[in-house]
């Protein structure tokens, strides 16, 4: 019953970013990032802080970003429509489907 943006979100961000960093490191990438910060429902500072911590763990660079800035969210919607890209209306967490 926890609200969007609660403790469960930080755990999920850490899990997802850890898996992304592992993949990046194992496949020779120099940097990793996430598109989660494009969402107006996500706290970019929390996401970026977690990303930076995980970057240290794997000795790989993390791209600090807040993609919703400068109308980034609106631009992402327009580009998705232009290129017929699928957009889900939730972050991917089964619990967010009900909020």
C-alpha atoms as a PDB file:
ATOM      1  CA  UNK A   1       0.000   0.000   0.000  1.00  0.00           C
ATOM      2  CA  UNK A   2       3.009   2.278  -0.168  1.00  0.00           C
ATOM      3  CA  UNK A   3       2.646   5.417  -2.279  1.00  0.00           C
ATOM      4  CA  UNK A   4       4.564   6.075  -5.497  1.00  0.00           C
ATOM      5  CA  UNK A   5       8.001   7.432  -4.631  1.00  0.00           C
ATOM      6  CA  UNK A   6       8.242   5.563  -1.327  1.00  0.00           C
ATOM      7  CA  UNK A   7      10.940   3.237  -0.033  1.00  0.00           C
ATOM      8  CA  UNK A   8      10.017   0.477  -2.475  1.00  0.00           C
ATOM      9  CA  UNK A   9      10.965   2.760  -5.364  1.00  0.00           C
ATOM     10  CA  UNK A  10      14.496   3.295  -4.055  1.00  0.00           C
ATOM     11  CA  UNK A  11      14.954  -0.458  -3.690  1.00  0.00           C
ATOM     12  CA  UNK A  12      13.720  -0.958  -7.253  1.00  0.00           C
ATOM     13  CA  UNK A  13      15.968   1.800  -8.641  1.00  0.00           C
ATOM     14  CA  UNK A  14      18.973   0.251  -6.912  1.00  0.00           C
ATOM     15  CA  UNK A  15      18.149  -3.187  -8.286  1.00  0.00           C
ATOM     16  CA  UNK A  16      17.640  -1.948 -11.856  1.00  0.00           C
ATOM     17  CA  UNK A  17      20.699   0.314 -11.868  1.00  0.00           C
ATOM     18  CA  UNK A  18      22.851  -2.420 -10.374  1.00  0.00           C
ATOM     19  CA  UNK A  19      21.849  -4.828 -13.148  1.00  0.00           C
ATOM     20  CA  UNK A  20      22.456  -2.112 -15.758  1.00  0.00           C
ATOM     21  CA  UNK A  21      25.905  -1.315 -14.352  1.00  0.00           C
ATOM     22  CA  UNK A  22      26.799  -5.018 -14.257  1.00  0.00           C
ATOM     23  CA  UNK A  23      25.806  -5.412 -17.895  1.00  0.00           C
ATOM     24  CA  UNK A  24      27.688  -2.276 -18.928  1.00  0.00           C
ATOM     25  CA  UNK A  25      30.849  -3.365 -17.124  1.00  0.00           C
ATOM     26  CA  UNK A  26      30.726  -6.936 -18.455  1.00  0.00           C
ATOM     27  CA  UNK A  27      30.212  -5.706 -22.019  1.00  0.00           C
ATOM     28  CA  UNK A  28      32.937  -3.076 -22.099  1.00  0.00           C
ATOM     29  CA  UNK A  29      30.857   0.089 -21.790  1.00  0.00           C
ATOM     30  CA  UNK A  30      32.457   3.124 -20.148  1.00  0.00           C
ATOM     31  CA  UNK A  31      29.224   4.622 -18.815  1.00  0.00           C
ATOM     32  CA  UNK A  32      25.641   3.711 -17.953  1.00  0.00           C
ATOM     33  CA  UNK A  33      22.422   5.690 -17.468  1.00  0.00           C
ATOM     34  CA  UNK A  34      18.670   5.381 -17.020  1.00  0.00           C
ATOM     35  CA  UNK A  35      15.646   6.916 -18.692  1.00  0.00           C
ATOM     36  CA  UNK A  36      13.700   6.812 -15.421  1.00  0.00           C
ATOM     37  CA  UNK A  37      14.498  10.482 -14.815  1.00  0.00           C
ATOM     38  CA  UNK A  38      12.274  11.537 -17.734  1.00  0.00           C
ATOM     39  CA  UNK A  39       9.193  10.733 -15.641  1.00  0.00           C
ATOM     40  CA  UNK A  40       7.569  13.596 -13.748  1.00  0.00           C
ATOM     41  CA  UNK A  41       6.685  10.991 -11.095  1.00  0.00           C
ATOM     42  CA  UNK A  42      10.286  10.021 -10.347  1.00  0.00           C
ATOM     43  CA  UNK A  43      12.766  11.839  -8.124  1.00  0.00           C
ATOM     44  CA  UNK A  44      15.859  12.392 -10.272  1.00  0.00           C
ATOM     45  CA  UNK A  45      18.045  13.223  -7.260  1.00  0.00           C
ATOM     46  CA  UNK A  46      17.252   9.898  -5.607  1.00  0.00           C
ATOM     47  CA  UNK A  47      17.850   8.007  -8.862  1.00  0.00           C
ATOM     48  CA  UNK A  48      21.116   9.831  -9.572  1.00  0.00           C
ATOM     49  CA  UNK A  49      22.431   9.355  -6.034  1.00  0.00           C
ATOM     50  CA  UNK A  50      21.799   5.614  -6.331  1.00  0.00           C
ATOM     51  CA  UNK A  51      23.404   5.545  -9.786  1.00  0.00           C
ATOM     52  CA  UNK A  52      26.544   7.265  -8.506  1.00  0.00           C
ATOM     53  CA  UNK A  53      26.859   4.833  -5.600  1.00  0.00           C
ATOM     54  CA  UNK A  54      26.518   1.841  -7.915  1.00  0.00           C
ATOM     55  CA  UNK A  55      29.015   3.378 -10.343  1.00  0.00           C
ATOM     56  CA  UNK A  56      31.610   3.348  -7.553  1.00  0.00           C
ATOM     57  CA  UNK A  57      30.804  -0.294  -6.790  1.00  0.00           C
ATOM     58  CA  UNK A  58      31.570  -1.339 -10.382  1.00  0.00           C
ATOM     59  CA  UNK A  59      34.206   1.312 -11.145  1.00  0.00           C
ATOM     60  CA  UNK A  60      32.225   2.640 -14.108  1.00  0.00           C
ATOM     61  CA  UNK A  61      30.851   6.087 -14.877  1.00  0.00           C
ATOM     62  CA  UNK A  62      27.186   6.973 -14.364  1.00  0.00           C
ATOM     63  CA  UNK A  63      25.486   9.693 -16.436  1.00  0.00           C
ATOM     64  CA  UNK A  64      23.813  12.068 -13.993  1.00  0.00           C
ATOM     65  CA  UNK A  65      20.731  13.470 -15.695  1.00  0.00           C
ATOM     66  CA  UNK A  66      17.249  14.796 -15.171  1.00  0.00           C
ATOM     67  CA  UNK A  67      15.692  14.197 -18.572  1.00  0.00           C
ATOM     68  CA  UNK A  68      12.406  15.858 -17.609  1.00  0.00           C
ATOM     69  CA  UNK A  69      14.102  19.275 -17.468  1.00  0.00           C
ATOM     70  CA  UNK A  70      13.632  21.719 -20.354  1.00  0.00           C
ATOM     71  CA  UNK A  71      10.384  20.001 -21.415  1.00  0.00           C
ATOM     72  CA  UNK A  72      12.159  16.650 -21.671  1.00  0.00           C
ATOM     73  CA  UNK A  73       9.034  14.716 -20.734  1.00  0.00           C
ATOM     74  CA  UNK A  74       6.968  16.443 -23.422  1.00  0.00           C
ATOM     75  CA  UNK A  75       9.764  15.972 -25.976  1.00  0.00           C
ATOM     76  CA  UNK A  76       9.938  12.272 -25.127  1.00  0.00           C
ATOM     77  CA  UNK A  77       6.209  11.917 -25.779  1.00  0.00           C
ATOM     78  CA  UNK A  78       6.454  13.720 -29.114  1.00  0.00           C
ATOM     79  CA  UNK A  79       9.457  11.675 -30.260  1.00  0.00           C
ATOM     80  CA  UNK A  80       7.742   8.458 -29.223  1.00  0.00           C
ATOM     81  CA  UNK A  81       4.705   9.413 -31.296  1.00  0.00           C
ATOM     82  CA  UNK A  82       6.818  10.500 -34.263  1.00  0.00           C
ATOM     83  CA  UNK A  83       8.746   7.217 -34.339  1.00  0.00           C
ATOM     84  CA  UNK A  84       5.830   4.998 -33.223  1.00  0.00           C
ATOM     85  CA  UNK A  85       7.689   3.888 -30.099  1.00  0.00           C
ATOM     86  CA  UNK A  86       5.884   1.960 -27.396  1.00  0.00           C
ATOM     87  CA  UNK A  87       5.404   3.872 -24.144  1.00  0.00           C
ATOM     88  CA  UNK A  88       4.113   2.135 -21.084  1.00  0.00           C
ATOM     89  CA  UNK A  89       2.100   4.253 -18.662  1.00  0.00           C
ATOM     90  CA  UNK A  90       3.925   3.032 -15.572  1.00  0.00           C
ATOM     91  CA  UNK A  91       7.560   2.576 -14.523  1.00  0.00           C
ATOM     92  CA  UNK A  92       7.536  -1.190 -14.836  1.00  0.00           C
ATOM     93  CA  UNK A  93       6.827  -2.019 -11.210  1.00  0.00           C
ATOM     94  CA  UNK A  94       3.721  -4.158 -10.825  1.00  0.00           C
ATOM     95  CA  UNK A  95       2.729  -2.120  -7.768  1.00  0.00           C
ATOM     96  CA  UNK A  96       2.680   1.131  -9.741  1.00  0.00           C
ATOM     97  CA  UNK A  97      -0.025  -0.319 -11.979  1.00  0.00           C
ATOM     98  CA  UNK A  98      -2.488   0.132  -9.109  1.00  0.00           C
ATOM     99  CA  UNK A  99      -1.522   3.670  -8.039  1.00  0.00           C
END
